[in-house]
Amino acid sequence: MSTPQTSTSLRLERVTPENVDAALDLRVHPHQERNVAPVVRSLAEAYAFGETAWPRLIFDGDELVGFLMAFVDIPWNEKKDPTDRRSGLWRLNITATGQGKGYGRFAVEALRDELRRRGATQMYVTWEPGEDGPGEFYRKLGFRTTGELSGGQTVGVLDI
């Protein structure tokens, strides 16, 4: 099986007044809508969570192909362990027309590099369990399940 080739013009960009409308219009494939919150919710959460949220748009040249939001150094379960702080992928939305082109892989790898630059040694992600969920995608990228659930979602971790 061949791996989709990604463009050399892929990049992450901040959400700005100039691109926020395009970000809000971004739609995943209809069968994925139950697995990921829309960008508008993510941007509201980014505002509410401040510096611990890291929202970025994914561009291929001039084309907006996706959105990701990371969480950076958040308390994971303060009641159980106040010292457990984690960073990882909070949301990943790839446009319906952008599926299968390597954009998701690019986004995860770019975030991995950013978190590594910030000193993280592990990257976490949560996903909706189920046959049509993104679990297989994350496992192919090297994430392993931790056995934890977060809000009913499967928790995965990648050593970076």
N, C-alpha and C. Protein backbone atom coordinates (compact mmCIF):
# COMPACT_ATOMS: atom_id res chain seq x y z
N MET A 1 0.84 -1.18 0.00
CA MET A 1 0.00 0.00 0.00
C MET A 1 0.88 1.23 0.00
N SER A 2 0.60 2.18 -0.86
CA SER A 2 1.43 3.38 -0.94
C SER A 2 0.93 4.43 0.03
N THR A 3 1.87 5.26 0.47
CA THR A 3 1.56 6.35 1.37
C THR A 3 1.26 7.59 0.54
N PRO A 4 0.19 8.32 0.83
CA PRO A 4 -0.10 9.54 0.09
C PRO A 4 1.07 10.52 0.20
N GLN A 5 1.37 11.18 -0.87
CA GLN A 5 2.44 12.16 -0.87
C GLN A 5 1.87 13.52 -0.49
N THR A 6 2.56 14.21 0.39
CA THR A 6 2.11 15.53 0.78
C THR A 6 2.92 16.59 0.05
N SER A 7 2.32 17.72 -0.11
CA SER A 7 2.94 18.83 -0.80
C SER A 7 4.05 19.43 0.05
N THR A 8 5.03 20.04 -0.60
CA THR A 8 6.09 20.73 0.14
C THR A 8 5.63 22.11 0.60
N SER A 9 4.43 22.51 0.22
CA SER A 9 3.94 23.83 0.63
C SER A 9 3.00 23.75 1.83
N LEU A 10 3.04 22.65 2.56
CA LEU A 10 2.20 22.52 3.74
C LEU A 10 2.77 23.34 4.88
N ARG A 11 1.87 23.99 5.62
CA ARG A 11 2.31 24.80 6.75
C ARG A 11 1.16 25.01 7.72
N LEU A 12 1.52 25.32 8.95
CA LEU A 12 0.55 25.71 9.97
C LEU A 12 0.59 27.23 10.10
N GLU A 13 -0.58 27.82 10.27
CA GLU A 13 -0.67 29.27 10.47
C GLU A 13 -1.61 29.58 11.62
N ARG A 14 -1.34 30.70 12.28
CA ARG A 14 -2.24 31.20 13.32
C ARG A 14 -3.60 31.55 12.70
N VAL A 15 -4.62 31.52 13.53
CA VAL A 15 -5.93 32.03 13.13
C VAL A 15 -5.88 33.54 13.29
N THR A 16 -6.22 34.27 12.23
CA THR A 16 -6.14 35.73 12.22
C THR A 16 -7.48 36.32 11.77
N PRO A 17 -7.65 37.62 11.91
CA PRO A 17 -8.87 38.25 11.39
C PRO A 17 -9.05 38.01 9.88
N GLU A 18 -7.94 37.85 9.17
CA GLU A 18 -8.02 37.65 7.73
C GLU A 18 -8.48 36.23 7.35
N ASN A 19 -8.23 35.24 8.19
CA ASN A 19 -8.58 33.87 7.80
C ASN A 19 -9.63 33.21 8.70
N VAL A 20 -10.13 33.94 9.69
CA VAL A 20 -11.07 33.33 10.64
C VAL A 20 -12.36 32.88 9.96
N ASP A 21 -12.87 33.64 8.98
CA ASP A 21 -14.11 33.22 8.31
C ASP A 21 -13.91 31.91 7.57
N ALA A 22 -12.79 31.75 6.90
CA ALA A 22 -12.49 30.49 6.22
C ALA A 22 -12.38 29.36 7.23
N ALA A 23 -11.77 29.64 8.38
CA ALA A 23 -11.66 28.62 9.43
C ALA A 23 -13.04 28.18 9.91
N LEU A 24 -13.93 29.12 10.11
CA LEU A 24 -15.27 28.80 10.59
C LEU A 24 -16.09 28.03 9.56
N ASP A 25 -15.76 28.20 8.28
CA ASP A 25 -16.46 27.49 7.21
C ASP A 25 -15.93 26.09 6.97
N LEU A 26 -14.81 25.73 7.59
CA LEU A 26 -14.19 24.43 7.36
C LEU A 26 -15.12 23.30 7.81
N ARG A 27 -15.30 22.31 6.94
CA ARG A 27 -16.17 21.18 7.24
C ARG A 27 -15.45 19.87 6.98
N VAL A 28 -15.59 18.94 7.92
CA VAL A 28 -15.07 17.59 7.73
C VAL A 28 -16.09 16.80 6.91
N HIS A 29 -15.73 15.58 6.54
CA HIS A 29 -16.66 14.71 5.83
C HIS A 29 -17.86 14.46 6.73
N PRO A 30 -19.08 14.46 6.17
CA PRO A 30 -20.28 14.30 7.01
C PRO A 30 -20.23 13.09 7.95
N HIS A 31 -19.65 11.97 7.54
CA HIS A 31 -19.63 10.80 8.44
C HIS A 31 -18.67 10.99 9.61
N GLN A 32 -17.84 12.04 9.57
CA GLN A 32 -16.89 12.30 10.66
C GLN A 32 -17.40 13.35 11.65
N GLU A 33 -18.50 13.99 11.34
CA GLU A 33 -18.98 15.09 12.17
C GLU A 33 -19.24 14.67 13.62
N ARG A 34 -19.62 13.42 13.84
CA ARG A 34 -19.89 12.99 15.21
C ARG A 34 -18.61 12.72 15.99
N ASN A 35 -17.46 12.65 15.28
CA ASN A 35 -16.19 12.32 15.92
C ASN A 35 -15.36 13.53 16.31
N VAL A 36 -15.68 14.70 15.80
CA VAL A 36 -14.86 15.88 16.08
C VAL A 36 -15.73 17.13 16.13
N ALA A 37 -15.45 17.98 17.10
CA ALA A 37 -16.21 19.22 17.25
C ALA A 37 -15.89 20.17 16.10
N PRO A 38 -16.83 21.02 15.73
CA PRO A 38 -16.57 21.99 14.67
C PRO A 38 -15.54 23.04 15.13
N VAL A 39 -14.92 23.67 14.16
CA VAL A 39 -13.89 24.67 14.44
C VAL A 39 -14.41 25.78 15.34
N VAL A 40 -15.65 26.19 15.16
CA VAL A 40 -16.19 27.28 15.98
C VAL A 40 -16.13 26.92 17.47
N ARG A 41 -16.42 25.68 17.82
CA ARG A 41 -16.33 25.26 19.23
C ARG A 41 -14.88 25.27 19.69
N SER A 42 -13.99 24.79 18.84
CA SER A 42 -12.57 24.77 19.20
C SER A 42 -12.04 26.17 19.44
N LEU A 43 -12.42 27.11 18.60
CA LEU A 43 -11.94 28.49 18.78
C LEU A 43 -12.51 29.11 20.06
N ALA A 44 -13.74 28.78 20.39
CA ALA A 44 -14.30 29.27 21.66
C ALA A 44 -13.53 28.67 22.83
N GLU A 45 -13.21 27.39 22.76
CA GLU A 45 -12.44 26.76 23.83
C GLU A 45 -11.02 27.33 23.89
N ALA A 46 -10.43 27.62 22.73
CA ALA A 46 -9.09 28.22 22.71
C ALA A 46 -9.11 29.56 23.44
N TYR A 47 -10.13 30.33 23.21
CA TYR A 47 -10.27 31.62 23.89
C TYR A 47 -10.39 31.40 25.40
N ALA A 48 -11.22 30.44 25.79
CA ALA A 48 -11.46 30.19 27.21
C ALA A 48 -10.24 29.61 27.92
N PHE A 49 -9.46 28.78 27.23
CA PHE A 49 -8.32 28.12 27.86
C PHE A 49 -7.02 28.91 27.73
N GLY A 50 -7.03 29.99 26.98
CA GLY A 50 -5.87 30.87 26.90
C GLY A 50 -4.61 30.20 26.39
N GLU A 51 -3.53 30.40 27.12
CA GLU A 51 -2.20 29.94 26.67
C GLU A 51 -2.05 28.42 26.61
N THR A 52 -2.95 27.67 27.23
CA THR A 52 -2.83 26.22 27.17
C THR A 52 -3.40 25.65 25.87
N ALA A 53 -4.11 26.47 25.09
CA ALA A 53 -4.63 26.04 23.79
C ALA A 53 -3.75 26.62 22.68
N TRP A 54 -3.53 25.81 21.65
CA TRP A 54 -2.67 26.22 20.53
C TRP A 54 -3.39 25.89 19.22
N PRO A 55 -4.30 26.78 18.77
CA PRO A 55 -5.03 26.51 17.53
C PRO A 55 -4.23 26.96 16.31
N ARG A 56 -4.28 26.13 15.25
CA ARG A 56 -3.57 26.45 14.00
C ARG A 56 -4.38 25.95 12.81
N LEU A 57 -4.28 26.69 11.73
CA LEU A 57 -4.87 26.28 10.46
C LEU A 57 -3.81 25.55 9.65
N ILE A 58 -4.25 24.60 8.85
CA ILE A 58 -3.36 23.82 8.00
C ILE A 58 -3.61 24.26 6.56
N PHE A 59 -2.56 24.75 5.93
CA PHE A 59 -2.65 25.20 4.54
C PHE A 59 -1.77 24.36 3.64
N ASP A 60 -2.25 24.14 2.43
CA ASP A 60 -1.46 23.57 1.34
C ASP A 60 -1.43 24.66 0.28
N GLY A 61 -0.32 25.38 0.20
CA GLY A 61 -0.27 26.56 -0.64
C GLY A 61 -1.23 27.59 -0.09
N ASP A 62 -2.15 28.05 -0.94
CA ASP A 62 -3.16 29.02 -0.51
C ASP A 62 -4.46 28.37 -0.04
N GLU A 63 -4.53 27.04 -0.12
CA GLU A 63 -5.77 26.33 0.20
C GLU A 63 -5.79 25.90 1.67
N LEU A 64 -6.86 26.29 2.37
CA LEU A 64 -7.09 25.83 3.74
C LEU A 64 -7.57 24.39 3.67
N VAL A 65 -6.82 23.48 4.29
CA VAL A 65 -7.16 22.05 4.21
C VAL A 65 -7.49 21.46 5.57
N GLY A 66 -7.28 22.22 6.64
CA GLY A 66 -7.59 21.65 7.94
C GLY A 66 -7.33 22.60 9.09
N PHE A 67 -7.61 22.09 10.27
CA PHE A 67 -7.46 22.83 11.52
C PHE A 67 -6.95 21.85 12.57
N LEU A 68 -6.06 22.31 13.40
CA LEU A 68 -5.68 21.51 14.57
C LEU A 68 -5.65 22.42 15.77
N MET A 69 -5.88 21.82 16.91
CA MET A 69 -5.70 22.55 18.16
C MET A 69 -4.99 21.61 19.13
N ALA A 70 -3.94 22.13 19.71
CA ALA A 70 -3.18 21.39 20.71
C ALA A 70 -3.53 21.90 22.09
N PHE A 71 -3.24 21.07 23.08
CA PHE A 71 -3.25 21.50 24.47
C PHE A 71 -1.81 21.40 24.96
N VAL A 72 -1.39 22.41 25.70
CA VAL A 72 0.01 22.51 26.10
C VAL A 72 0.11 22.61 27.62
N ASP A 73 0.72 21.59 28.20
CA ASP A 73 1.04 21.59 29.63
C ASP A 73 -0.20 21.81 30.50
N ILE A 74 -1.26 21.06 30.23
CA ILE A 74 -2.48 21.19 31.04
C ILE A 74 -2.47 20.19 32.19
N PRO A 75 -3.08 20.55 33.32
CA PRO A 75 -3.28 19.57 34.38
C PRO A 75 -4.23 18.49 33.85
N TRP A 76 -3.83 17.23 33.93
CA TRP A 76 -4.63 16.15 33.32
C TRP A 76 -5.75 15.69 34.25
N ASN A 77 -5.41 15.35 35.46
CA ASN A 77 -6.41 14.92 36.43
C ASN A 77 -5.92 15.40 37.81
N GLU A 78 -6.18 16.67 38.07
CA GLU A 78 -5.63 17.31 39.28
C GLU A 78 -6.02 16.62 40.57
N LYS A 79 -7.23 16.08 40.64
CA LYS A 79 -7.67 15.41 41.87
C LYS A 79 -6.87 14.14 42.11
N LYS A 80 -6.58 13.40 41.07
CA LYS A 80 -5.84 12.15 41.22
C LYS A 80 -4.34 12.40 41.38
N ASP A 81 -3.78 13.32 40.56
CA ASP A 81 -2.35 13.60 40.59
C ASP A 81 -2.11 15.04 40.15
N PRO A 82 -1.95 15.96 41.08
CA PRO A 82 -1.78 17.38 40.74
C PRO A 82 -0.52 17.67 39.92
N THR A 83 0.42 16.73 39.88
CA THR A 83 1.66 16.96 39.12
C THR A 83 1.58 16.44 37.69
N ASP A 84 0.51 15.73 37.34
CA ASP A 84 0.37 15.16 36.00
C ASP A 84 -0.08 16.24 35.01
N ARG A 85 0.88 16.74 34.24
CA ARG A 85 0.60 17.76 33.22
C ARG A 85 0.94 17.16 31.87
N ARG A 86 0.08 17.42 30.88
CA ARG A 86 0.25 16.79 29.58
C ARG A 86 0.06 17.79 28.45
N SER A 87 0.61 17.40 27.30
CA SER A 87 0.46 18.17 26.07
C SER A 87 0.08 17.21 24.96
N GLY A 88 -0.65 17.72 23.98
CA GLY A 88 -1.03 16.84 22.88
C GLY A 88 -2.02 17.46 21.93
N LEU A 89 -2.60 16.60 21.13
CA LEU A 89 -3.55 17.00 20.09
C LEU A 89 -4.96 17.00 20.67
N TRP A 90 -5.59 18.15 20.64
CA TRP A 90 -6.93 18.30 21.17
C TRP A 90 -7.95 18.07 20.06
N ARG A 91 -7.74 18.68 18.91
CA ARG A 91 -8.67 18.56 17.78
C ARG A 91 -7.89 18.46 16.48
N LEU A 92 -8.44 17.72 15.55
CA LEU A 92 -7.91 17.64 14.19
C LEU A 92 -9.09 17.54 13.24
N ASN A 93 -9.26 18.57 12.43
CA ASN A 93 -10.33 18.62 11.44
C ASN A 93 -9.67 18.77 10.06
N ILE A 94 -9.85 17.78 9.21
CA ILE A 94 -9.37 17.86 7.83
C ILE A 94 -10.59 17.99 6.94
N THR A 95 -10.52 18.89 5.96
CA THR A 95 -11.67 19.12 5.08
C THR A 95 -12.10 17.82 4.41
N ALA A 96 -13.37 17.77 4.05
CA ALA A 96 -13.91 16.59 3.38
C ALA A 96 -13.12 16.27 2.11
N THR A 97 -12.73 17.30 1.36
CA THR A 97 -11.99 17.08 0.11
C THR A 97 -10.51 16.82 0.34
N GLY A 98 -10.04 17.05 1.56
CA GLY A 98 -8.63 16.86 1.87
C GLY A 98 -8.28 15.50 2.46
N GLN A 99 -9.28 14.66 2.63
CA GLN A 99 -9.06 13.34 3.25
C GLN A 99 -8.14 12.48 2.38
N GLY A 100 -7.27 11.73 3.03
CA GLY A 100 -6.42 10.77 2.33
C GLY A 100 -5.26 11.37 1.56
N LYS A 101 -4.95 12.62 1.81
CA LYS A 101 -3.86 13.31 1.09
C LYS A 101 -2.64 13.56 1.96
N GLY A 102 -2.64 13.04 3.16
CA GLY A 102 -1.49 13.20 4.05
C GLY A 102 -1.54 14.44 4.92
N TYR A 103 -2.63 15.21 4.87
CA TYR A 103 -2.71 16.43 5.67
C TYR A 103 -2.78 16.13 7.17
N GLY A 104 -3.51 15.11 7.54
CA GLY A 104 -3.61 14.74 8.95
C GLY A 104 -2.26 14.30 9.50
N ARG A 105 -1.56 13.48 8.74
CA ARG A 105 -0.22 13.03 9.14
C ARG A 105 0.71 14.24 9.28
N PHE A 106 0.68 15.15 8.31
CA PHE A 106 1.50 16.36 8.40
C PHE A 106 1.20 17.12 9.69
N ALA A 107 -0.10 17.30 9.99
CA ALA A 107 -0.49 18.08 11.17
C ALA A 107 0.02 17.45 12.46
N VAL A 108 -0.13 16.13 12.58
CA VAL A 108 0.32 15.44 13.78
C VAL A 108 1.84 15.54 13.90
N GLU A 109 2.55 15.35 12.79
CA GLU A 109 4.02 15.44 12.84
C GLU A 109 4.50 16.85 13.13
N ALA A 110 3.82 17.86 12.59
CA ALA A 110 4.19 19.25 12.88
C ALA A 110 3.95 19.57 14.35
N LEU A 111 2.85 19.08 14.90
CA LEU A 111 2.59 19.30 16.33
C LEU A 111 3.62 18.55 17.17
N ARG A 112 3.93 17.33 16.80
CA ARG A 112 4.96 16.57 17.52
C ARG A 112 6.26 17.38 17.59
N ASP A 113 6.66 17.95 16.45
CA ASP A 113 7.89 18.74 16.41
C ASP A 113 7.80 19.98 17.30
N GLU A 114 6.64 20.63 17.31
CA GLU A 114 6.44 21.81 18.15
C GLU A 114 6.50 21.44 19.63
N LEU A 115 5.86 20.36 20.00
CA LEU A 115 5.88 19.94 21.41
C LEU A 115 7.28 19.51 21.83
N ARG A 116 7.97 18.82 20.95
CA ARG A 116 9.36 18.42 21.24
C ARG A 116 10.21 19.68 21.45
N ARG A 117 10.02 20.69 20.60
CA ARG A 117 10.76 21.95 20.73
C ARG A 117 10.50 22.60 22.08
N ARG A 118 9.29 22.43 22.60
CA ARG A 118 8.92 23.00 23.90
C ARG A 118 9.36 22.13 25.08
N GLY A 119 9.99 20.99 24.79
CA GLY A 119 10.52 20.15 25.85
C GLY A 119 9.66 18.95 26.24
N ALA A 120 8.56 18.73 25.56
CA ALA A 120 7.71 17.57 25.87
C ALA A 120 8.40 16.29 25.42
N THR A 121 8.13 15.21 26.12
CA THR A 121 8.67 13.90 25.75
C THR A 121 7.57 12.94 25.32
N GLN A 122 6.33 13.34 25.55
CA GLN A 122 5.18 12.54 25.13
C GLN A 122 4.12 13.47 24.57
N MET A 123 3.33 12.92 23.65
CA MET A 123 2.23 13.65 23.03
C MET A 123 0.97 12.79 23.18
N TYR A 124 -0.09 13.40 23.70
CA TYR A 124 -1.34 12.69 23.94
C TYR A 124 -2.39 13.07 22.91
N VAL A 125 -3.36 12.20 22.75
CA VAL A 125 -4.52 12.46 21.90
C VAL A 125 -5.68 11.66 22.47
N THR A 126 -6.89 12.16 22.27
CA THR A 126 -8.08 11.39 22.61
C THR A 126 -8.92 11.26 21.36
N TRP A 127 -9.68 10.16 21.28
CA TRP A 127 -10.55 9.99 20.12
C TRP A 127 -11.79 9.22 20.50
N GLU A 128 -12.82 9.46 19.69
CA GLU A 128 -14.07 8.73 19.85
C GLU A 128 -13.83 7.28 19.48
N PRO A 129 -14.18 6.36 20.38
CA PRO A 129 -14.00 4.95 20.04
C PRO A 129 -15.04 4.53 18.99
N GLY A 130 -14.78 3.45 18.34
CA GLY A 130 -15.73 2.92 17.38
C GLY A 130 -15.09 2.67 16.04
N GLU A 131 -15.80 1.88 15.25
CA GLU A 131 -15.29 1.44 13.96
C GLU A 131 -15.01 2.59 12.99
N ASP A 132 -15.85 3.61 13.00
CA ASP A 132 -15.65 4.72 12.06
C ASP A 132 -14.91 5.89 12.69
N GLY A 133 -14.36 5.70 13.88
CA GLY A 133 -13.58 6.74 14.56
C GLY A 133 -12.15 6.78 14.03
N PRO A 134 -11.37 7.73 14.51
CA PRO A 134 -10.00 7.92 14.02
C PRO A 134 -8.93 7.07 14.71
N GLY A 135 -9.34 6.09 15.51
CA GLY A 135 -8.37 5.30 16.26
C GLY A 135 -7.31 4.64 15.39
N GLU A 136 -7.71 4.06 14.28
CA GLU A 136 -6.75 3.39 13.40
C GLU A 136 -5.73 4.38 12.84
N PHE A 137 -6.19 5.58 12.48
CA PHE A 137 -5.29 6.63 12.00
C PHE A 137 -4.21 6.93 13.03
N TYR A 138 -4.61 7.13 14.28
CA TYR A 138 -3.64 7.45 15.33
C TYR A 138 -2.71 6.28 15.63
N ARG A 139 -3.24 5.07 15.62
CA ARG A 139 -2.38 3.90 15.85
C ARG A 139 -1.34 3.77 14.73
N LYS A 140 -1.71 4.04 13.50
CA LYS A 140 -0.74 3.98 12.39
C LYS A 140 0.38 5.00 12.55
N LEU A 141 0.09 6.10 13.24
CA LEU A 141 1.11 7.12 13.49
C LEU A 141 1.97 6.80 14.71
N GLY A 142 1.68 5.69 15.38
CA GLY A 142 2.50 5.26 16.51
C GLY A 142 1.90 5.47 17.88
N PHE A 143 0.72 6.04 17.97
CA PHE A 143 0.08 6.21 19.28
C PHE A 143 -0.33 4.85 19.82
N ARG A 144 -0.19 4.69 21.11
CA ARG A 144 -0.67 3.49 21.77
C ARG A 144 -1.69 3.91 22.82
N THR A 145 -2.68 3.08 23.05
CA THR A 145 -3.70 3.41 24.04
C THR A 145 -3.12 3.29 25.44
N THR A 146 -3.59 4.15 26.33
CA THR A 146 -3.09 4.16 27.70
C THR A 146 -3.97 3.34 28.64
N GLY A 147 -5.16 2.97 28.18
CA GLY A 147 -6.12 2.31 29.05
C GLY A 147 -7.03 3.30 29.76
N GLU A 148 -6.75 4.59 29.60
CA GLU A 148 -7.57 5.64 30.21
C GLU A 148 -8.70 6.05 29.27
N LEU A 149 -9.71 6.64 29.86
CA LEU A 149 -10.76 7.32 29.11
C LEU A 149 -10.80 8.76 29.59
N SER A 150 -11.08 9.66 28.68
CA SER A 150 -11.25 11.07 29.03
C SER A 150 -12.54 11.54 28.38
N GLY A 151 -13.55 11.80 29.21
CA GLY A 151 -14.84 12.20 28.66
C GLY A 151 -15.43 11.14 27.75
N GLY A 152 -15.17 9.88 28.03
CA GLY A 152 -15.67 8.79 27.22
C GLY A 152 -14.82 8.47 26.00
N GLN A 153 -13.76 9.25 25.79
CA GLN A 153 -12.89 9.04 24.64
C GLN A 153 -11.66 8.22 25.05
N THR A 154 -11.16 7.47 24.07
CA THR A 154 -9.94 6.69 24.24
C THR A 154 -8.75 7.64 24.32
N VAL A 155 -7.82 7.39 25.22
CA VAL A 155 -6.61 8.21 25.35
C VAL A 155 -5.45 7.43 24.74
N GLY A 156 -4.70 8.12 23.87
CA GLY A 156 -3.50 7.54 23.28
C GLY A 156 -2.30 8.40 23.58
N VAL A 157 -1.11 7.80 23.54
CA VAL A 157 0.13 8.52 23.82
C VAL A 157 1.18 8.09 22.81
N LEU A 158 2.04 9.03 22.45
CA LEU A 158 3.16 8.81 21.55
C LEU A 158 4.41 9.34 22.21
N ASP A 159 5.45 8.53 22.32
CA ASP A 159 6.72 9.02 22.82
C ASP A 159 7.38 9.85 21.73
N ILE A 160 7.78 11.07 22.10
CA ILE A 160 8.37 11.95 21.09
C ILE A 160 9.79 12.32 21.47
